Amino acid sequence: MVNTKKSAKKSEKTTVRATRVKRAPREKQQPRNPIIASINRMYNKGAPLLVCEALLFVGAAAVLFVRPVLVLTIFTYIIGFALLAFGLYRLMCGFITTSDTGGGGIDVVFGLINIVLGLLFVVYPSGSLVSVAYIFVVLFFFKALRVLVFSINLARARYGHYLITLGAALVLFLLAIALFFFPLGTFIALSYYLAVLLIIYAVADIYMFIELTKLKHHFS
């Protein structure tokens, strides 16, 4: 009887061990393809940004098309407040250096000039915009002269690409003349040009989003 009990216990232990050893075979996990993983990661991070950027560009272009004068006025106010903040900063720096070291007069003068210009931009936005246009007239005119002289030197050296620089000088002269006679109209035309560029960027973002979606579905 004792031997039968011992043998029964041994058989139970062996069956328990056997059941412990025998486990359900795990399914072999397929290794992840790094190309598919990188495409999914790129889609998850880039696709929402592309859509949001395209919508932002389209909205900004619509505002530029519909209300260009309003956009220019807001831009003038931004310049004015920036000049006021910078002028106050220079003025405080000038007074601090004056009280400590006895200098800082240049900072005070430049601070006052910036404050006056900022007030002009805020109080008279249209007139300030015209003055900015005339500043660009002078800059375009001198830049056109420099490019013209450079193209003449290229022509003397018999370098074949002088026609490109000559065309650039002509474009700068035409911009200077247009800004001189039609300052606000030229800024409005530039706002339309910026709107067209924003629409082109939005179309490019949508195209990239479509191609990225096709690539994800192709490898999924």
N, C-alpha and C. Protein backbone atom coordinates (compact mmCIF):
# COMPACT_ATOMS: atom_id res chain seq x y z
N MET A 1 0.83 -1.20 0.00
CA MET A 1 0.00 0.00 0.00
C MET A 1 0.87 1.25 0.00
N VAL A 2 1.94 1.18 0.76
CA VAL A 2 2.82 2.35 0.84
C VAL A 2 3.45 2.62 -0.50
N ASN A 3 3.87 1.54 -1.15
CA ASN A 3 4.51 1.72 -2.46
C ASN A 3 3.54 2.28 -3.48
N THR A 4 2.31 1.83 -3.41
CA THR A 4 1.32 2.35 -4.36
C THR A 4 1.03 3.81 -4.13
N LYS A 5 1.01 4.25 -2.82
CA LYS A 5 0.80 5.67 -2.54
C LYS A 5 1.96 6.50 -3.04
N LYS A 6 3.22 5.99 -2.81
CA LYS A 6 4.39 6.73 -3.29
C LYS A 6 4.40 6.83 -4.80
N SER A 7 4.04 5.70 -5.44
CA SER A 7 4.04 5.73 -6.91
C SER A 7 2.96 6.67 -7.43
N ALA A 8 1.82 6.75 -6.72
CA ALA A 8 0.74 7.66 -7.13
C ALA A 8 1.18 9.10 -6.99
N LYS A 9 1.89 9.40 -5.87
CA LYS A 9 2.38 10.76 -5.67
C LYS A 9 3.40 11.14 -6.73
N LYS A 10 4.32 10.18 -7.05
CA LYS A 10 5.32 10.45 -8.08
C LYS A 10 4.66 10.69 -9.43
N SER A 11 3.64 9.89 -9.71
CA SER A 11 2.96 10.08 -11.00
C SER A 11 2.26 11.43 -11.06
N GLU A 12 1.67 11.86 -9.91
CA GLU A 12 1.02 13.17 -9.87
C GLU A 12 2.04 14.28 -10.08
N LYS A 13 3.23 14.15 -9.44
CA LYS A 13 4.26 15.16 -9.61
C LYS A 13 4.74 15.24 -11.04
N THR A 14 4.94 14.08 -11.66
CA THR A 14 5.40 14.08 -13.04
C THR A 14 4.37 14.69 -13.98
N THR A 15 3.05 14.40 -13.67
CA THR A 15 2.01 14.99 -14.53
C THR A 15 1.94 16.49 -14.34
N VAL A 16 2.14 16.96 -13.08
CA VAL A 16 2.15 18.41 -12.83
C VAL A 16 3.31 19.06 -13.53
N ARG A 17 4.50 18.40 -13.43
CA ARG A 17 5.66 18.96 -14.12
C ARG A 17 5.45 18.97 -15.63
N ALA A 18 4.83 17.91 -16.11
CA ALA A 18 4.59 17.85 -17.55
C ALA A 18 3.65 18.95 -17.99
N THR A 19 2.61 19.18 -17.16
CA THR A 19 1.69 20.24 -17.53
C THR A 19 2.36 21.61 -17.43
N ARG A 20 3.30 21.72 -16.45
CA ARG A 20 4.02 22.98 -16.35
C ARG A 20 4.96 23.19 -17.52
N VAL A 21 5.56 22.13 -17.96
CA VAL A 21 6.53 22.26 -19.06
C VAL A 21 5.82 22.52 -20.36
N LYS A 22 4.71 21.83 -20.58
CA LYS A 22 4.00 21.99 -21.83
C LYS A 22 3.24 23.32 -21.81
N ARG A 23 3.62 24.23 -22.64
CA ARG A 23 2.96 25.52 -22.76
C ARG A 23 2.52 25.72 -24.20
N ALA A 24 1.55 26.59 -24.30
CA ALA A 24 1.04 26.87 -25.64
C ALA A 24 2.10 27.61 -26.42
N PRO A 25 2.39 27.17 -27.59
CA PRO A 25 3.45 27.84 -28.37
C PRO A 25 3.03 29.26 -28.75
N ARG A 26 3.93 30.17 -28.48
CA ARG A 26 3.67 31.57 -28.81
C ARG A 26 3.80 31.79 -30.31
N GLU A 27 2.98 32.72 -30.77
CA GLU A 27 3.07 33.05 -32.18
C GLU A 27 4.33 33.86 -32.43
N LYS A 28 4.99 33.49 -33.43
CA LYS A 28 6.22 34.21 -33.77
C LYS A 28 5.87 35.60 -34.28
N GLN A 29 6.45 36.62 -33.62
CA GLN A 29 6.20 37.99 -34.03
C GLN A 29 7.05 38.32 -35.24
N GLN A 30 6.37 38.85 -36.21
CA GLN A 30 7.09 39.25 -37.42
C GLN A 30 7.89 40.52 -37.14
N PRO A 31 9.12 40.59 -37.57
CA PRO A 31 9.90 41.81 -37.35
C PRO A 31 9.32 42.98 -38.14
N ARG A 32 9.31 44.17 -37.50
CA ARG A 32 8.74 45.36 -38.12
C ARG A 32 9.66 45.85 -39.23
N ASN A 33 9.05 46.23 -40.33
CA ASN A 33 9.80 46.79 -41.45
C ASN A 33 10.17 48.23 -41.11
N PRO A 34 11.45 48.59 -41.13
CA PRO A 34 11.82 49.97 -40.76
C PRO A 34 11.30 51.00 -41.75
N ILE A 35 11.14 50.61 -43.01
CA ILE A 35 10.62 51.56 -44.00
C ILE A 35 9.17 51.89 -43.71
N ILE A 36 8.36 50.85 -43.41
CA ILE A 36 6.95 51.08 -43.09
C ILE A 36 6.81 51.89 -41.81
N ALA A 37 7.67 51.58 -40.83
CA ALA A 37 7.61 52.32 -39.57
C ALA A 37 7.95 53.80 -39.78
N SER A 38 8.96 54.07 -40.60
CA SER A 38 9.33 55.47 -40.84
C SER A 38 8.25 56.20 -41.63
N ILE A 39 7.59 55.50 -42.57
CA ILE A 39 6.50 56.13 -43.33
C ILE A 39 5.32 56.45 -42.41
N ASN A 40 4.97 55.51 -41.53
CA ASN A 40 3.87 55.76 -40.60
C ASN A 40 4.19 56.90 -39.65
N ARG A 41 5.44 56.93 -39.17
CA ARG A 41 5.84 58.01 -38.29
C ARG A 41 5.81 59.37 -39.01
N MET A 42 6.28 59.38 -40.25
CA MET A 42 6.27 60.61 -41.03
C MET A 42 4.85 61.06 -41.33
N TYR A 43 3.95 60.11 -41.60
CA TYR A 43 2.55 60.46 -41.86
C TYR A 43 1.88 61.01 -40.61
N ASN A 44 2.10 60.36 -39.47
CA ASN A 44 1.44 60.79 -38.24
C ASN A 44 1.91 62.18 -37.79
N LYS A 45 3.17 62.49 -38.04
CA LYS A 45 3.69 63.79 -37.62
C LYS A 45 3.51 64.87 -38.69
N GLY A 46 3.65 64.49 -39.96
CA GLY A 46 3.65 65.51 -41.01
C GLY A 46 2.31 65.83 -41.61
N ALA A 47 1.41 64.86 -41.68
CA ALA A 47 0.13 65.08 -42.34
C ALA A 47 -0.72 66.15 -41.66
N PRO A 48 -0.90 66.13 -40.33
CA PRO A 48 -1.69 67.22 -39.71
C PRO A 48 -1.06 68.59 -39.89
N LEU A 49 0.27 68.65 -39.83
CA LEU A 49 0.94 69.93 -40.00
C LEU A 49 0.75 70.47 -41.42
N LEU A 50 0.80 69.59 -42.41
CA LEU A 50 0.61 70.02 -43.79
C LEU A 50 -0.80 70.58 -44.01
N VAL A 51 -1.80 69.91 -43.45
CA VAL A 51 -3.17 70.38 -43.61
C VAL A 51 -3.38 71.72 -42.90
N CYS A 52 -2.89 71.82 -41.67
CA CYS A 52 -3.04 73.08 -40.92
C CYS A 52 -2.30 74.22 -41.60
N GLU A 53 -1.11 73.95 -42.11
CA GLU A 53 -0.35 74.98 -42.79
C GLU A 53 -1.04 75.43 -44.07
N ALA A 54 -1.61 74.50 -44.81
CA ALA A 54 -2.34 74.86 -46.04
C ALA A 54 -3.56 75.72 -45.72
N LEU A 55 -4.31 75.35 -44.68
CA LEU A 55 -5.47 76.16 -44.30
C LEU A 55 -5.06 77.55 -43.84
N LEU A 56 -3.95 77.64 -43.11
CA LEU A 56 -3.46 78.94 -42.66
C LEU A 56 -3.05 79.81 -43.84
N PHE A 57 -2.36 79.22 -44.81
CA PHE A 57 -1.93 79.97 -45.99
C PHE A 57 -3.13 80.45 -46.80
N VAL A 58 -4.13 79.58 -46.96
CA VAL A 58 -5.32 79.97 -47.72
C VAL A 58 -6.07 81.09 -47.02
N GLY A 59 -6.18 81.01 -45.69
CA GLY A 59 -6.86 82.08 -44.95
C GLY A 59 -6.13 83.41 -45.06
N ALA A 60 -4.79 83.37 -44.93
CA ALA A 60 -4.01 84.61 -45.06
C ALA A 60 -4.10 85.18 -46.46
N ALA A 61 -4.09 84.31 -47.48
CA ALA A 61 -4.21 84.79 -48.86
C ALA A 61 -5.59 85.41 -49.11
N ALA A 62 -6.63 84.81 -48.53
CA ALA A 62 -7.97 85.38 -48.69
C ALA A 62 -8.07 86.77 -48.07
N VAL A 63 -7.47 86.92 -46.88
CA VAL A 63 -7.48 88.24 -46.25
C VAL A 63 -6.69 89.25 -47.08
N LEU A 64 -5.56 88.83 -47.64
CA LEU A 64 -4.77 89.73 -48.47
C LEU A 64 -5.50 90.12 -49.75
N PHE A 65 -6.27 89.20 -50.32
CA PHE A 65 -7.04 89.51 -51.53
C PHE A 65 -8.21 90.44 -51.23
N VAL A 66 -8.92 90.16 -50.13
CA VAL A 66 -10.15 90.90 -49.85
C VAL A 66 -9.86 92.26 -49.21
N ARG A 67 -8.97 92.28 -48.22
CA ARG A 67 -8.69 93.53 -47.49
C ARG A 67 -7.19 93.83 -47.47
N PRO A 68 -6.62 94.20 -48.60
CA PRO A 68 -5.17 94.49 -48.59
C PRO A 68 -4.82 95.74 -47.81
N VAL A 69 -5.70 96.76 -47.88
CA VAL A 69 -5.42 98.01 -47.16
C VAL A 69 -5.45 97.77 -45.65
N LEU A 70 -6.38 96.93 -45.20
CA LEU A 70 -6.44 96.61 -43.77
C LEU A 70 -5.18 95.91 -43.31
N VAL A 71 -4.69 94.99 -44.12
CA VAL A 71 -3.46 94.26 -43.77
C VAL A 71 -2.27 95.23 -43.70
N LEU A 72 -2.20 96.14 -44.68
CA LEU A 72 -1.12 97.13 -44.67
C LEU A 72 -1.22 98.05 -43.46
N THR A 73 -2.43 98.42 -43.08
CA THR A 73 -2.62 99.28 -41.90
C THR A 73 -2.20 98.56 -40.63
N ILE A 74 -2.58 97.29 -40.51
CA ILE A 74 -2.16 96.51 -39.34
C ILE A 74 -0.64 96.38 -39.30
N PHE A 75 -0.04 96.16 -40.47
CA PHE A 75 1.41 96.06 -40.54
C PHE A 75 2.06 97.38 -40.11
N THR A 76 1.45 98.51 -40.49
CA THR A 76 1.97 99.81 -40.08
C THR A 76 1.87 99.99 -38.57
N TYR A 77 0.75 99.57 -37.99
CA TYR A 77 0.61 99.65 -36.54
C TYR A 77 1.64 98.78 -35.82
N ILE A 78 1.90 97.62 -36.37
CA ILE A 78 2.91 96.73 -35.76
C ILE A 78 4.28 97.41 -35.78
N ILE A 79 4.62 98.03 -36.91
CA ILE A 79 5.90 98.74 -36.99
C ILE A 79 5.93 99.88 -35.98
N GLY A 80 4.81 100.61 -35.87
CA GLY A 80 4.76 101.74 -34.94
C GLY A 80 4.96 101.32 -33.49
N PHE A 81 4.24 100.28 -33.07
CA PHE A 81 4.38 99.82 -31.68
C PHE A 81 5.78 99.25 -31.42
N ALA A 82 6.35 98.59 -32.43
CA ALA A 82 7.71 98.08 -32.27
C ALA A 82 8.70 99.22 -32.11
N LEU A 83 8.54 100.28 -32.90
CA LEU A 83 9.42 101.45 -32.76
C LEU A 83 9.24 102.13 -31.40
N LEU A 84 7.99 102.21 -30.93
CA LEU A 84 7.75 102.79 -29.61
C LEU A 84 8.43 101.98 -28.51
N ALA A 85 8.29 100.65 -28.56
CA ALA A 85 8.91 99.80 -27.53
C ALA A 85 10.43 99.92 -27.58
N PHE A 86 10.99 99.89 -28.79
CA PHE A 86 12.44 100.00 -28.90
C PHE A 86 12.92 101.38 -28.47
N GLY A 87 12.16 102.43 -28.81
CA GLY A 87 12.54 103.77 -28.39
C GLY A 87 12.52 103.95 -26.88
N LEU A 88 11.48 103.40 -26.23
CA LEU A 88 11.44 103.46 -24.77
C LEU A 88 12.59 102.70 -24.13
N TYR A 89 12.92 101.56 -24.71
CA TYR A 89 14.05 100.79 -24.20
C TYR A 89 15.36 101.57 -24.32
N ARG A 90 15.59 102.17 -25.51
CA ARG A 90 16.82 102.95 -25.68
C ARG A 90 16.83 104.17 -24.77
N LEU A 91 15.66 104.76 -24.56
CA LEU A 91 15.60 105.93 -23.67
C LEU A 91 15.92 105.56 -22.23
N MET A 92 15.38 104.44 -21.75
CA MET A 92 15.69 104.00 -20.39
C MET A 92 17.16 103.62 -20.25
N CYS A 93 17.70 102.95 -21.28
CA CYS A 93 19.13 102.61 -21.24
C CYS A 93 19.98 103.88 -21.19
N GLY A 94 19.57 104.90 -21.93
CA GLY A 94 20.32 106.15 -21.93
C GLY A 94 20.29 106.83 -20.59
N PHE A 95 19.13 106.86 -19.92
CA PHE A 95 19.05 107.49 -18.61
C PHE A 95 19.80 106.70 -17.55
N ILE A 96 19.78 105.37 -17.66
CA ILE A 96 20.52 104.55 -16.69
C ILE A 96 22.01 104.76 -16.82
N THR A 97 22.52 104.75 -18.05
CA THR A 97 23.95 104.99 -18.24
C THR A 97 24.33 106.42 -17.91
N THR A 98 23.39 107.36 -18.11
CA THR A 98 23.69 108.76 -17.76
C THR A 98 23.83 108.93 -16.26
N SER A 99 22.94 108.28 -15.49
CA SER A 99 23.01 108.42 -14.03
C SER A 99 24.20 107.69 -13.44
N ASP A 100 24.66 106.62 -14.08
CA ASP A 100 25.76 105.84 -13.51
C ASP A 100 27.12 106.33 -13.99
N THR A 101 27.26 106.51 -15.28
CA THR A 101 28.58 106.79 -15.85
C THR A 101 28.70 108.16 -16.48
N GLY A 102 27.62 108.92 -16.52
CA GLY A 102 27.69 110.24 -17.11
C GLY A 102 27.58 110.25 -18.62
N GLY A 103 27.27 109.10 -19.28
CA GLY A 103 27.12 109.05 -20.73
C GLY A 103 25.72 108.64 -21.10
N GLY A 104 25.57 108.11 -22.31
CA GLY A 104 24.28 107.63 -22.76
C GLY A 104 23.45 108.64 -23.50
N GLY A 105 24.06 109.76 -23.90
CA GLY A 105 23.31 110.76 -24.64
C GLY A 105 22.86 110.27 -26.00
N ILE A 106 23.68 109.43 -26.64
CA ILE A 106 23.31 108.90 -27.96
C ILE A 106 22.09 107.99 -27.84
N ASP A 107 22.04 107.18 -26.77
CA ASP A 107 20.88 106.32 -26.57
C ASP A 107 19.61 107.14 -26.37
N VAL A 108 19.74 108.25 -25.63
CA VAL A 108 18.57 109.10 -25.40
C VAL A 108 18.08 109.69 -26.72
N VAL A 109 19.01 110.17 -27.56
CA VAL A 109 18.63 110.78 -28.83
C VAL A 109 17.96 109.76 -29.75
N PHE A 110 18.58 108.58 -29.88
CA PHE A 110 17.99 107.54 -30.74
C PHE A 110 16.67 107.03 -30.16
N GLY A 111 16.56 106.99 -28.85
CA GLY A 111 15.29 106.59 -28.26
C GLY A 111 14.17 107.57 -28.57
N LEU A 112 14.47 108.85 -28.49
CA LEU A 112 13.47 109.86 -28.82
C LEU A 112 13.09 109.81 -30.29
N ILE A 113 14.08 109.60 -31.17
CA ILE A 113 13.78 109.50 -32.60
C ILE A 113 12.87 108.31 -32.88
N ASN A 114 13.16 107.17 -32.27
CA ASN A 114 12.32 105.99 -32.47
C ASN A 114 10.91 106.20 -31.91
N ILE A 115 10.80 106.90 -30.79
CA ILE A 115 9.48 107.17 -30.22
C ILE A 115 8.67 108.07 -31.15
N VAL A 116 9.32 109.11 -31.70
CA VAL A 116 8.62 110.00 -32.63
C VAL A 116 8.17 109.25 -33.87
N LEU A 117 9.05 108.41 -34.43
CA LEU A 117 8.67 107.63 -35.61
C LEU A 117 7.55 106.64 -35.29
N GLY A 118 7.61 106.02 -34.11
CA GLY A 118 6.54 105.11 -33.71
C GLY A 118 5.20 105.81 -33.58
N LEU A 119 5.21 107.02 -33.01
CA LEU A 119 3.97 107.78 -32.90
C LEU A 119 3.43 108.15 -34.27
N LEU A 120 4.31 108.51 -35.21
CA LEU A 120 3.87 108.83 -36.57
C LEU A 120 3.23 107.62 -37.23
N PHE A 121 3.83 106.44 -37.04
CA PHE A 121 3.27 105.23 -37.64
C PHE A 121 1.92 104.88 -37.04
N VAL A 122 1.74 105.15 -35.75
CA VAL A 122 0.48 104.80 -35.09
C VAL A 122 -0.61 105.83 -35.39
N VAL A 123 -0.25 107.13 -35.35
CA VAL A 123 -1.25 108.18 -35.53
C VAL A 123 -1.59 108.38 -37.00
N TYR A 124 -0.58 108.34 -37.88
CA TYR A 124 -0.79 108.54 -39.32
C TYR A 124 -0.29 107.31 -40.09
N PRO A 125 -1.06 106.23 -40.10
CA PRO A 125 -0.58 105.01 -40.75
C PRO A 125 -0.41 105.14 -42.26
N SER A 126 -1.39 105.81 -42.92
CA SER A 126 -1.29 105.93 -44.39
C SER A 126 -0.11 106.81 -44.80
N GLY A 127 0.05 107.95 -44.11
CA GLY A 127 1.18 108.82 -44.41
C GLY A 127 2.52 108.16 -44.12
N SER A 128 2.57 107.38 -43.03
CA SER A 128 3.81 106.68 -42.71
C SER A 128 4.12 105.61 -43.74
N LEU A 129 3.07 104.97 -44.25
CA LEU A 129 3.28 103.95 -45.28
C LEU A 129 3.82 104.58 -46.56
N VAL A 130 3.33 105.77 -46.89
CA VAL A 130 3.84 106.47 -48.07
C VAL A 130 5.30 106.85 -47.86
N SER A 131 5.65 107.29 -46.64
CA SER A 131 7.05 107.62 -46.36
C SER A 131 7.95 106.40 -46.46
N VAL A 132 7.45 105.26 -45.99
CA VAL A 132 8.23 104.02 -46.13
C VAL A 132 8.40 103.68 -47.61
N ALA A 133 7.36 103.92 -48.41
CA ALA A 133 7.46 103.67 -49.84
C ALA A 133 8.55 104.53 -50.48
N TYR A 134 8.64 105.79 -50.07
CA TYR A 134 9.67 106.66 -50.63
C TYR A 134 11.08 106.23 -50.18
N ILE A 135 11.17 105.68 -48.97
CA ILE A 135 12.46 105.13 -48.53
C ILE A 135 12.86 103.97 -49.43
N PHE A 136 11.89 103.12 -49.76
CA PHE A 136 12.18 102.01 -50.67
C PHE A 136 12.51 102.51 -52.07
N VAL A 137 11.93 103.65 -52.48
CA VAL A 137 12.27 104.23 -53.78
C VAL A 137 13.76 104.54 -53.84
N VAL A 138 14.26 105.17 -52.78
CA VAL A 138 15.69 105.52 -52.73
C VAL A 138 16.54 104.26 -52.72
N LEU A 139 16.14 103.27 -51.92
CA LEU A 139 16.93 102.04 -51.84
C LEU A 139 16.94 101.30 -53.17
N PHE A 140 15.78 101.19 -53.82
CA PHE A 140 15.72 100.53 -55.13
C PHE A 140 16.53 101.27 -56.18
N PHE A 141 16.50 102.61 -56.12
CA PHE A 141 17.22 103.40 -57.11
C PHE A 141 18.74 103.18 -56.98
N PHE A 142 19.26 103.25 -55.75
CA PHE A 142 20.70 103.04 -55.56
C PHE A 142 21.10 101.59 -55.86
N LYS A 143 20.22 100.64 -55.51
CA LYS A 143 20.53 99.25 -55.83
C LYS A 143 20.54 99.03 -57.33
N ALA A 144 19.61 99.68 -58.05
CA ALA A 144 19.58 99.57 -59.51
C ALA A 144 20.84 100.16 -60.12
N LEU A 145 21.33 101.27 -59.58
CA LEU A 145 22.57 101.86 -60.08
C LEU A 145 23.75 100.92 -59.89
N ARG A 146 23.82 100.30 -58.72
CA ARG A 146 24.92 99.36 -58.45
C ARG A 146 24.86 98.16 -59.40
N VAL A 147 23.67 97.63 -59.60
CA VAL A 147 23.53 96.48 -60.51
C VAL A 147 23.85 96.89 -61.95
N LEU A 148 23.47 98.12 -62.32
CA LEU A 148 23.76 98.60 -63.67
C LEU A 148 25.27 98.73 -63.89
N VAL A 149 25.96 99.28 -62.92
CA VAL A 149 27.42 99.40 -63.02
C VAL A 149 28.06 98.02 -63.09
N PHE A 150 27.54 97.08 -62.31
CA PHE A 150 28.08 95.73 -62.33
C PHE A 150 27.86 95.06 -63.69
N SER A 151 26.68 95.28 -64.29
CA SER A 151 26.42 94.70 -65.61
C SER A 151 27.30 95.34 -66.68
N ILE A 152 27.58 96.64 -66.56
CA ILE A 152 28.49 97.29 -67.52
C ILE A 152 29.89 96.72 -67.41
N ASN A 153 30.34 96.47 -66.19
CA ASN A 153 31.67 95.86 -66.01
C ASN A 153 31.71 94.44 -66.58
N LEU A 154 30.61 93.71 -66.43
CA LEU A 154 30.56 92.37 -67.02
C LEU A 154 30.58 92.44 -68.55
N ALA A 155 29.88 93.44 -69.10
CA ALA A 155 29.87 93.58 -70.56
C ALA A 155 31.26 93.95 -71.08
N ARG A 156 31.98 94.79 -70.33
CA ARG A 156 33.35 95.13 -70.74
C ARG A 156 34.26 93.91 -70.68
N ALA A 157 34.03 93.07 -69.71
CA ALA A 157 34.83 91.85 -69.61
C ALA A 157 34.37 90.77 -70.58
N ARG A 158 33.32 91.07 -71.38
CA ARG A 158 32.76 90.13 -72.35
C ARG A 158 32.31 88.84 -71.69
N TYR A 159 31.66 89.01 -70.57
CA TYR A 159 31.08 87.87 -69.86
C TYR A 159 29.63 87.73 -70.30
N GLY A 160 29.25 86.53 -70.66
CA GLY A 160 27.98 86.32 -71.35
C GLY A 160 26.73 86.57 -70.52
N HIS A 161 26.84 86.59 -69.18
CA HIS A 161 25.66 86.69 -68.32
C HIS A 161 25.37 88.13 -67.89
N TYR A 162 25.90 89.11 -68.56
CA TYR A 162 25.65 90.49 -68.15
C TYR A 162 24.22 90.91 -68.46
N LEU A 163 23.56 90.23 -69.40
CA LEU A 163 22.18 90.57 -69.74
C LEU A 163 21.23 90.30 -68.56
N ILE A 164 21.56 89.28 -67.76
CA ILE A 164 20.71 88.97 -66.60
C ILE A 164 20.77 90.11 -65.58
N THR A 165 21.98 90.56 -65.28
CA THR A 165 22.13 91.66 -64.33
C THR A 165 21.55 92.96 -64.89
N LEU A 166 21.66 93.15 -66.20
CA LEU A 166 21.06 94.33 -66.81
C LEU A 166 19.54 94.30 -66.69
N GLY A 167 18.94 93.11 -66.87
CA GLY A 167 17.49 92.98 -66.68
C GLY A 167 17.08 93.22 -65.23
N ALA A 168 17.91 92.76 -64.27
CA ALA A 168 17.61 93.00 -62.86
C ALA A 168 17.66 94.49 -62.53
N ALA A 169 18.64 95.19 -63.11
CA ALA A 169 18.72 96.65 -62.91
C ALA A 169 17.49 97.35 -63.47
N LEU A 170 17.03 96.91 -64.64
CA LEU A 170 15.83 97.50 -65.23
C LEU A 170 14.60 97.26 -64.36
N VAL A 171 14.48 96.06 -63.81
CA VAL A 171 13.34 95.75 -62.93
C VAL A 171 13.37 96.63 -61.69
N LEU A 172 14.56 96.83 -61.10
CA LEU A 172 14.68 97.68 -59.92
C LEU A 172 14.34 99.13 -60.23
N PHE A 173 14.75 99.62 -61.41
CA PHE A 173 14.38 100.97 -61.83
C PHE A 173 12.86 101.10 -61.97
N LEU A 174 12.22 100.10 -62.58
CA LEU A 174 10.77 100.14 -62.75
C LEU A 174 10.05 100.10 -61.40
N LEU A 175 10.56 99.30 -60.46
CA LEU A 175 9.96 99.28 -59.12
C LEU A 175 10.10 100.61 -58.43
N ALA A 176 11.26 101.25 -58.57
CA ALA A 176 11.46 102.56 -57.96
C ALA A 176 10.50 103.60 -58.55
N ILE A 177 10.32 103.58 -59.87
CA ILE A 177 9.41 104.53 -60.51
C ILE A 177 7.97 104.27 -60.09
N ALA A 178 7.59 102.98 -60.04
CA ALA A 178 6.21 102.64 -59.63
C ALA A 178 5.94 103.05 -58.19
N LEU A 179 6.90 102.83 -57.31
CA LEU A 179 6.74 103.25 -55.91
C LEU A 179 6.69 104.76 -55.77
N PHE A 180 7.41 105.46 -56.61
CA PHE A 180 7.42 106.93 -56.52
C PHE A 180 6.07 107.52 -56.94
N PHE A 181 5.47 107.02 -58.00
CA PHE A 181 4.22 107.58 -58.50
C PHE A 181 2.98 106.94 -57.87
N PHE A 182 3.08 105.66 -57.52
CA PHE A 182 1.92 104.95 -56.94
C PHE A 182 2.38 104.20 -55.68
N PRO A 183 2.63 104.93 -54.59
CA PRO A 183 3.17 104.23 -53.40
C PRO A 183 2.19 103.23 -52.79
N LEU A 184 0.95 103.65 -52.55
CA LEU A 184 -0.01 102.73 -51.95
C LEU A 184 -0.42 101.64 -52.93
N GLY A 185 -0.58 102.01 -54.20
CA GLY A 185 -0.95 101.01 -55.19
C GLY A 185 0.10 99.93 -55.34
N THR A 186 1.36 100.34 -55.25
CA THR A 186 2.43 99.35 -55.36
C THR A 186 2.43 98.40 -54.17
N PHE A 187 2.17 98.94 -52.97
CA PHE A 187 2.10 98.07 -51.79
C PHE A 187 0.92 97.11 -51.89
N ILE A 188 -0.20 97.59 -52.45
CA ILE A 188 -1.35 96.69 -52.63
C ILE A 188 -1.02 95.60 -53.64
N ALA A 189 -0.32 95.98 -54.71
CA ALA A 189 0.09 94.97 -55.70
C ALA A 189 1.04 93.95 -55.06
N LEU A 190 1.94 94.41 -54.19
CA LEU A 190 2.83 93.48 -53.50
C LEU A 190 2.06 92.56 -52.55
N SER A 191 0.99 93.09 -51.95
CA SER A 191 0.16 92.23 -51.09
C SER A 191 -0.55 91.16 -51.91
N TYR A 192 -1.01 91.52 -53.13
CA TYR A 192 -1.60 90.51 -54.02
C TYR A 192 -0.56 89.46 -54.43
N TYR A 193 0.65 89.93 -54.69
CA TYR A 193 1.72 89.00 -55.05
C TYR A 193 2.01 88.04 -53.90
N LEU A 194 2.01 88.57 -52.67
CA LEU A 194 2.22 87.72 -51.50
C LEU A 194 1.08 86.72 -51.35
N ALA A 195 -0.16 87.15 -51.66
CA ALA A 195 -1.30 86.24 -51.57
C ALA A 195 -1.17 85.10 -52.57
N VAL A 196 -0.72 85.42 -53.77
CA VAL A 196 -0.52 84.36 -54.79
C VAL A 196 0.54 83.37 -54.33
N LEU A 197 1.63 83.88 -53.75
CA LEU A 197 2.67 82.99 -53.23
C LEU A 197 2.13 82.08 -52.12
N LEU A 198 1.31 82.63 -51.25
CA LEU A 198 0.73 81.81 -50.18
C LEU A 198 -0.17 80.72 -50.74
N ILE A 199 -0.93 81.02 -51.78
CA ILE A 199 -1.78 80.00 -52.41
C ILE A 199 -0.93 78.91 -53.04
N ILE A 200 0.17 79.30 -53.67
CA ILE A 200 1.07 78.30 -54.27
C ILE A 200 1.64 77.38 -53.18
N TYR A 201 2.04 77.97 -52.05
CA TYR A 201 2.55 77.16 -50.94
C TYR A 201 1.46 76.23 -50.40
N ALA A 202 0.22 76.72 -50.33
CA ALA A 202 -0.88 75.88 -49.85
C ALA A 202 -1.14 74.71 -50.79
N VAL A 203 -1.10 74.97 -52.10
CA VAL A 203 -1.28 73.88 -53.08
C VAL A 203 -0.16 72.86 -52.95
N ALA A 204 1.06 73.33 -52.74
CA ALA A 204 2.19 72.41 -52.56
C ALA A 204 2.02 71.55 -51.31
N ASP A 205 1.50 72.14 -50.23
CA ASP A 205 1.26 71.37 -49.00
C ASP A 205 0.18 70.31 -49.22
N ILE A 206 -0.89 70.67 -49.93
CA ILE A 206 -1.95 69.70 -50.21
C ILE A 206 -1.42 68.56 -51.08
N TYR A 207 -0.60 68.91 -52.07
CA TYR A 207 -0.02 67.87 -52.93
C TYR A 207 0.87 66.92 -52.12
N MET A 208 1.68 67.47 -51.22
CA MET A 208 2.53 66.63 -50.37
C MET A 208 1.69 65.75 -49.46
N PHE A 209 0.58 66.29 -48.95
CA PHE A 209 -0.30 65.49 -48.10
C PHE A 209 -0.92 64.33 -48.88
N ILE A 210 -1.36 64.58 -50.12
CA ILE A 210 -1.95 63.52 -50.94
C ILE A 210 -0.93 62.43 -51.26
N GLU A 211 0.28 62.85 -51.63
CA GLU A 211 1.32 61.86 -51.94
C GLU A 211 1.72 61.06 -50.70
N LEU A 212 1.77 61.72 -49.56
CA LEU A 212 2.11 61.00 -48.33
C LEU A 212 1.02 60.02 -47.95
N THR A 213 -0.25 60.38 -48.19
CA THR A 213 -1.35 59.46 -47.92
C THR A 213 -1.30 58.25 -48.86
N LYS A 214 -1.02 58.49 -50.13
CA LYS A 214 -0.88 57.38 -51.07
C LYS A 214 0.26 56.46 -50.66
N LEU A 215 1.37 57.01 -50.23
CA LEU A 215 2.51 56.20 -49.82
C LEU A 215 2.18 55.36 -48.61
N LYS A 216 1.44 55.92 -47.65
CA LYS A 216 1.06 55.16 -46.46
C LYS A 216 0.13 54.02 -46.82
N HIS A 217 -0.87 54.27 -47.67
CA HIS A 217 -1.80 53.19 -48.06
C HIS A 217 -1.12 52.13 -48.92
N HIS A 218 -0.10 52.53 -49.65
CA HIS A 218 0.61 51.55 -50.49
C HIS A 218 1.40 50.55 -49.63
N PHE A 219 1.99 51.00 -48.53
CA PHE A 219 2.80 50.12 -47.71
C PHE A 219 2.03 49.54 -46.54
N SER A 220 0.78 49.92 -46.37
CA SER A 220 0.02 49.38 -45.23
C SER A 220 -0.67 48.05 -45.61
